[in-house]
Amino acid sequence: MKKRKLNYRFHNPNPTAATADYLLKIFMEANQEKVQLAIQAAADTADGSGKKENEGHPA
């Protein structure tokens, strides 16, 4: 039997920016743990980028 190709069409009367903001909120809520870990990792590397390079290496 031949498989049917699914076609989805959405009617969106909202402006593009509002839609993008809404989708971002949904994705952030769904992946809240991953987002928090990524933000924390980025903050850690920004704060201690110079410190970590020199640890364990004698001057």
Protein backbone atom coordinates (compact mmCIF):
# COMPACT_ATOMS: atom_id res chain seq x y z
CA MET A 1 0.00 0.00 0.00
CA LYS A 2 1.32 3.45 -0.92
CA LYS A 3 1.98 5.84 1.97
CA ARG A 4 0.23 9.18 1.93
CA LYS A 5 2.24 12.34 2.38
CA LEU A 6 0.82 14.47 5.18
CA ASN A 7 0.21 18.13 4.49
CA TYR A 8 -0.38 20.56 7.34
CA ARG A 9 -1.66 24.08 6.84
CA PHE A 10 -2.05 26.60 9.59
CA HIS A 11 -3.93 29.85 9.39
CA ASN A 12 -2.07 32.41 11.49
CA PRO A 13 -3.55 35.92 11.58
CA ASN A 14 -0.82 37.16 13.96
CA PRO A 15 2.21 39.21 12.89
CA THR A 16 5.44 37.26 12.36
CA ALA A 17 7.14 38.76 15.44
CA ALA A 18 4.24 37.82 17.72
CA THR A 19 4.22 34.28 16.36
CA ALA A 20 7.97 33.92 16.86
CA ASP A 21 7.68 35.21 20.44
CA TYR A 22 4.86 32.77 21.19
CA LEU A 23 6.78 29.82 19.75
CA LEU A 24 9.91 30.81 21.68
CA LYS A 25 7.91 30.83 24.92
CA ILE A 26 6.50 27.38 24.17
CA PHE A 27 9.93 25.91 23.34
CA MET A 28 11.53 27.48 26.40
CA GLU A 29 8.82 26.11 28.65
CA ALA A 30 9.13 22.65 27.12
CA ASN A 31 12.94 22.68 27.46
CA GLN A 32 13.25 24.76 30.61
CA GLU A 33 15.92 22.54 32.19
CA LYS A 34 18.10 22.56 29.07
CA VAL A 35 17.73 26.33 28.72
CA GLN A 36 18.75 26.90 32.35
CA LEU A 37 21.79 24.62 31.97
CA ALA A 38 22.85 26.37 28.76
CA ILE A 39 22.51 29.81 30.35
CA GLN A 40 24.47 28.65 33.42
CA ALA A 41 27.21 27.14 31.25
CA ALA A 42 27.48 30.33 29.20
CA ALA A 43 27.66 32.43 32.37
CA ASP A 44 30.32 30.13 33.85
CA THR A 45 32.53 30.33 30.77
CA ALA A 46 32.10 34.11 30.56
CA ASP A 47 32.96 34.59 34.24
CA GLY A 48 35.85 32.18 34.57
CA SER A 49 37.26 31.79 31.08
CA GLY A 50 40.70 33.08 32.11
CA LYS A 51 40.80 31.14 35.37
CA LYS A 52 40.10 27.69 33.91
CA GLU A 53 42.85 27.92 31.31
CA ASN A 54 45.57 28.39 33.93
CA GLU A 55 44.42 25.81 36.47
CA GLY A 56 46.81 22.93 36.93
CA HIS A 57 49.55 24.48 34.82
CA PRO A 58 52.66 25.81 36.61
CA ALA A 59 53.74 29.29 35.65
